[in-house]
Amino acid sequence: MKKRISFWVLPLLVFAVIVLIDQVSKIWAVEQLADGHDVEILGSWLSLKLTYNSGAAFSLGNSATWIFTVFSALVAIAMPFILLKFPRRSQVIILSAIWAGAVGNLIDRLTREPGFGRGHVVDFINYNNWFIGNIADIALVIGVIAFVAIEALDPTQAPVEPADGHLSAEQAPIEPAAADNEENPTVEATSERN
């Protein structure tokens, strides 16, 4: 039981810290950037500029705010159950970051003007006027990219069996890396044999 609880401490901490930083940074942006001025960080490549987004990333779907609210709410509700399906801590941490990003923007949609479920998301990190986002967006994008990468590069994925049903030595399953398998005792046994 204690081991199971310790497994969840870091993912839940990642979730809480991202949501907290996202919300505090949005409060700061609304207070400090409300007069419309830009704050350059790396010239025009990266600056701070307050905007309110009623749509999704890249301001897509501005007229369908309620759809994004419903979708974000479904993700926020479903994600704890989805997290239980993944055995590796790295997967759960990355999915916790995605969950935090969805919740961070959902909070805006539920609490900001023009009203409940139709609120506009506070965006303030300006990437060369190409895209303006926030901390929740960063967590979502990095989380999705990281999750796809670790799943694509995971050597423990079941190999595709050839038509004759025999696996070559190269296709045989490989044990996962020890750094990501705190609860998997077979990793040590495999290392000792090699």
Protein backbone atom coordinates (compact mmCIF):
# COMPACT_ATOMS: atom_id res chain seq x y z
CA MET A 1 0.00 0.00 0.00
CA LYS A 2 2.80 2.41 0.95
CA LYS A 3 4.60 1.68 -2.32
CA ARG A 4 1.41 2.36 -4.29
CA ILE A 5 0.91 5.69 -2.53
CA SER A 6 4.53 6.71 -3.19
CA PHE A 7 3.99 5.90 -6.89
CA TRP A 8 1.28 8.60 -7.07
CA VAL A 9 3.00 11.36 -5.08
CA LEU A 10 5.11 12.77 -7.95
CA PRO A 11 2.38 12.64 -10.64
CA LEU A 12 -0.11 14.39 -8.35
CA LEU A 13 2.53 16.93 -7.38
CA VAL A 14 3.25 17.61 -11.08
CA PHE A 15 -0.49 18.10 -11.66
CA ALA A 16 -0.92 20.47 -8.71
CA VAL A 17 2.20 22.54 -9.46
CA ILE A 18 1.28 23.03 -13.13
CA VAL A 19 -2.29 24.09 -12.31
CA LEU A 20 -1.02 26.45 -9.59
CA ILE A 21 1.66 28.04 -11.79
CA ASP A 22 -0.83 28.35 -14.65
CA GLN A 23 -3.45 30.11 -12.54
CA VAL A 24 -1.00 32.38 -10.70
CA SER A 25 0.67 33.38 -13.98
CA LYS A 26 -2.72 34.20 -15.52
CA ILE A 27 -3.67 36.36 -12.52
CA TRP A 28 -0.31 38.12 -12.85
CA ALA A 29 -0.80 38.64 -16.61
CA VAL A 30 -4.30 40.10 -16.16
CA GLU A 31 -3.00 42.53 -13.51
CA GLN A 32 0.30 43.51 -15.13
CA LEU A 33 -0.46 43.43 -18.86
CA ALA A 34 -4.01 44.82 -18.87
CA ASP A 35 -2.93 48.15 -20.35
CA GLY A 36 -2.07 46.38 -23.63
CA HIS A 37 1.70 46.84 -23.61
CA ASP A 38 4.06 44.06 -24.68
CA VAL A 39 6.99 42.97 -22.55
CA GLU A 40 9.81 41.72 -24.74
CA ILE A 41 11.79 38.79 -23.40
CA LEU A 42 13.75 37.64 -26.47
CA GLY A 43 13.05 40.52 -28.79
CA SER A 44 10.05 39.86 -31.00
CA TRP A 45 10.63 36.10 -30.80
CA LEU A 46 9.21 35.79 -27.30
CA SER A 47 7.22 38.40 -25.44
CA LEU A 48 4.33 38.80 -23.03
CA LYS A 49 1.07 40.15 -24.44
CA LEU A 50 -2.35 39.73 -22.83
CA THR A 51 -5.16 38.27 -24.92
CA TYR A 52 -8.38 36.44 -24.16
CA ASN A 53 -9.06 33.36 -26.25
CA SER A 54 -12.61 32.08 -26.64
CA GLY A 55 -11.53 29.19 -28.84
CA ALA A 56 -8.81 26.57 -28.79
CA ALA A 57 -5.14 26.70 -29.74
CA PHE A 58 -4.35 29.22 -32.47
CA SER A 59 -7.74 30.84 -31.67
CA LEU A 60 -9.55 28.14 -33.63
CA GLY A 61 -13.27 27.72 -32.97
CA ASN A 62 -13.89 31.12 -31.39
CA SER A 63 -17.65 30.71 -31.79
CA ALA A 64 -17.76 27.29 -30.09
CA THR A 65 -16.43 28.05 -26.60
CA TRP A 66 -18.98 25.75 -24.96
CA ILE A 67 -17.71 22.79 -27.02
CA PHE A 68 -14.18 23.30 -25.67
CA THR A 69 -15.60 23.67 -22.16
CA VAL A 70 -17.45 20.34 -22.43
CA PHE A 71 -14.42 18.61 -23.96
CA SER A 72 -12.07 20.00 -21.28
CA ALA A 73 -14.49 18.95 -18.54
CA LEU A 74 -14.69 15.41 -19.96
CA VAL A 75 -10.89 15.18 -20.09
CA ALA A 76 -10.59 16.54 -16.54
CA ILE A 77 -13.10 13.99 -15.25
CA ALA A 78 -11.81 11.01 -17.26
CA MET A 79 -8.07 11.54 -16.78
CA PRO A 80 -7.81 10.17 -13.21
CA PHE A 81 -9.37 6.91 -14.44
CA ILE A 82 -7.11 6.87 -17.50
CA LEU A 83 -4.04 7.35 -15.28
CA LEU A 84 -4.90 4.14 -13.43
CA LYS A 85 -4.47 2.17 -16.68
CA PHE A 86 -0.79 3.05 -17.10
CA PRO A 87 1.76 1.05 -15.09
CA ARG A 88 4.86 3.19 -15.56
CA ARG A 89 5.52 6.32 -13.58
CA SER A 90 6.85 8.23 -16.62
CA GLN A 91 3.56 7.64 -18.44
CA VAL A 92 1.53 8.76 -15.44
CA ILE A 93 3.66 11.90 -14.90
CA ILE A 94 3.32 12.94 -18.53
CA LEU A 95 -0.43 12.28 -18.53
CA SER A 96 -0.67 14.29 -15.29
CA ALA A 97 0.86 17.26 -17.12
CA ILE A 98 -1.72 16.90 -19.91
CA TRP A 99 -4.47 16.65 -17.28
CA ALA A 100 -3.16 19.80 -15.57
CA GLY A 101 -3.16 21.70 -18.86
CA ALA A 102 -6.76 20.72 -19.54
CA VAL A 103 -7.82 21.68 -16.01
CA GLY A 104 -5.92 25.00 -16.14
CA ASN A 105 -7.79 26.13 -19.24
CA LEU A 106 -11.07 24.64 -17.96
CA ILE A 107 -10.84 26.84 -14.86
CA ASP A 108 -10.73 29.89 -17.15
CA ARG A 109 -13.68 28.66 -19.21
CA LEU A 110 -15.73 28.17 -16.04
CA THR A 111 -14.75 31.32 -14.13
CA ARG A 112 -13.87 34.11 -16.55
CA GLU A 113 -16.01 36.52 -18.56
CA PRO A 114 -18.40 36.42 -20.36
CA GLY A 115 -19.75 33.73 -18.03
CA PHE A 116 -19.81 30.15 -16.76
CA GLY A 117 -18.87 27.67 -19.49
CA ARG A 118 -18.22 30.46 -21.99
CA GLY A 119 -15.24 32.08 -20.30
CA HIS A 120 -12.28 33.18 -22.35
CA VAL A 121 -8.89 31.63 -21.62
CA VAL A 122 -6.13 34.04 -20.57
CA ASP A 123 -3.21 33.80 -23.01
CA PHE A 124 -0.10 35.92 -22.58
CA ILE A 125 3.04 34.13 -23.86
CA ASN A 126 3.55 35.52 -27.36
CA TYR A 127 5.66 33.44 -29.74
CA ASN A 128 6.62 35.96 -32.43
CA ASN A 129 2.95 36.85 -33.06
CA TRP A 130 2.51 33.36 -34.46
CA PHE A 131 0.81 31.96 -31.37
CA ILE A 132 -0.11 33.33 -27.94
CA GLY A 133 -0.55 30.77 -25.19
CA ASN A 134 -0.18 30.11 -21.48
CA ILE A 135 1.39 27.63 -19.06
CA ALA A 136 -1.52 25.18 -19.48
CA ASP A 137 -0.94 25.17 -23.25
CA ILE A 138 2.76 24.47 -22.72
CA ALA A 139 1.91 21.53 -20.43
CA LEU A 140 -0.57 20.17 -22.99
CA VAL A 141 1.76 20.45 -25.98
CA ILE A 142 4.89 19.14 -24.25
CA GLY A 143 2.85 16.40 -22.55
CA VAL A 144 1.33 15.15 -25.81
CA ILE A 145 4.69 15.24 -27.63
CA ALA A 146 6.46 13.46 -24.74
CA PHE A 147 3.75 10.83 -24.44
CA VAL A 148 3.79 10.06 -28.17
CA ALA A 149 7.61 9.93 -28.09
CA ILE A 150 7.89 7.53 -25.15
CA GLU A 151 5.19 5.30 -26.55
CA ALA A 152 6.80 5.27 -30.01
CA LEU A 153 10.27 4.60 -28.61
CA ASP A 154 9.17 2.11 -25.93
CA PRO A 155 11.12 -1.12 -26.43
CA THR A 156 8.54 -3.06 -24.41
CA GLN A 157 5.79 -2.61 -26.99
CA ALA A 158 4.63 -5.93 -28.33
CA PRO A 159 6.47 -6.75 -31.55
CA VAL A 160 4.55 -7.35 -34.74
CA GLU A 161 4.54 -11.08 -35.43
CA PRO A 162 5.56 -12.12 -38.92
CA ALA A 163 3.16 -14.22 -40.97
CA ASP A 164 5.02 -17.46 -40.08
CA GLY A 165 4.42 -16.79 -36.35
CA HIS A 166 8.12 -16.85 -35.35
CA LEU A 167 9.95 -13.90 -33.85
CA SER A 168 13.56 -13.20 -34.73
CA ALA A 169 16.03 -12.26 -31.97
CA GLU A 170 15.68 -8.60 -32.97
CA GLN A 171 11.88 -8.77 -32.60
CA ALA A 172 11.84 -10.41 -29.17
CA PRO A 173 10.47 -8.23 -26.37
CA ILE A 174 13.03 -6.13 -24.51
CA GLU A 175 12.75 -5.40 -20.79
CA PRO A 176 12.01 -1.74 -19.97
CA ALA A 177 14.71 0.56 -18.60
CA ALA A 178 15.30 0.37 -14.84
CA ALA A 179 14.83 4.12 -14.34
CA ASP A 180 11.16 3.78 -15.20
CA ASN A 181 10.39 0.54 -13.39
CA GLU A 182 10.57 1.15 -9.70
CA GLU A 183 8.00 -1.62 -9.14
CA ASN A 184 9.29 -4.13 -11.69
CA PRO A 185 11.71 -6.63 -10.04
CA THR A 186 12.40 -8.44 -13.34
CA VAL A 187 14.66 -5.60 -14.48
CA GLU A 188 17.28 -6.42 -11.83
CA ALA A 189 17.10 -10.15 -12.57
CA THR A 190 17.63 -9.48 -16.28
CA SER A 191 20.64 -7.20 -15.62
CA GLU A 192 22.30 -9.78 -13.37
CA ARG A 193 22.08 -12.46 -16.07
CA ASN A 194 23.79 -10.24 -18.68
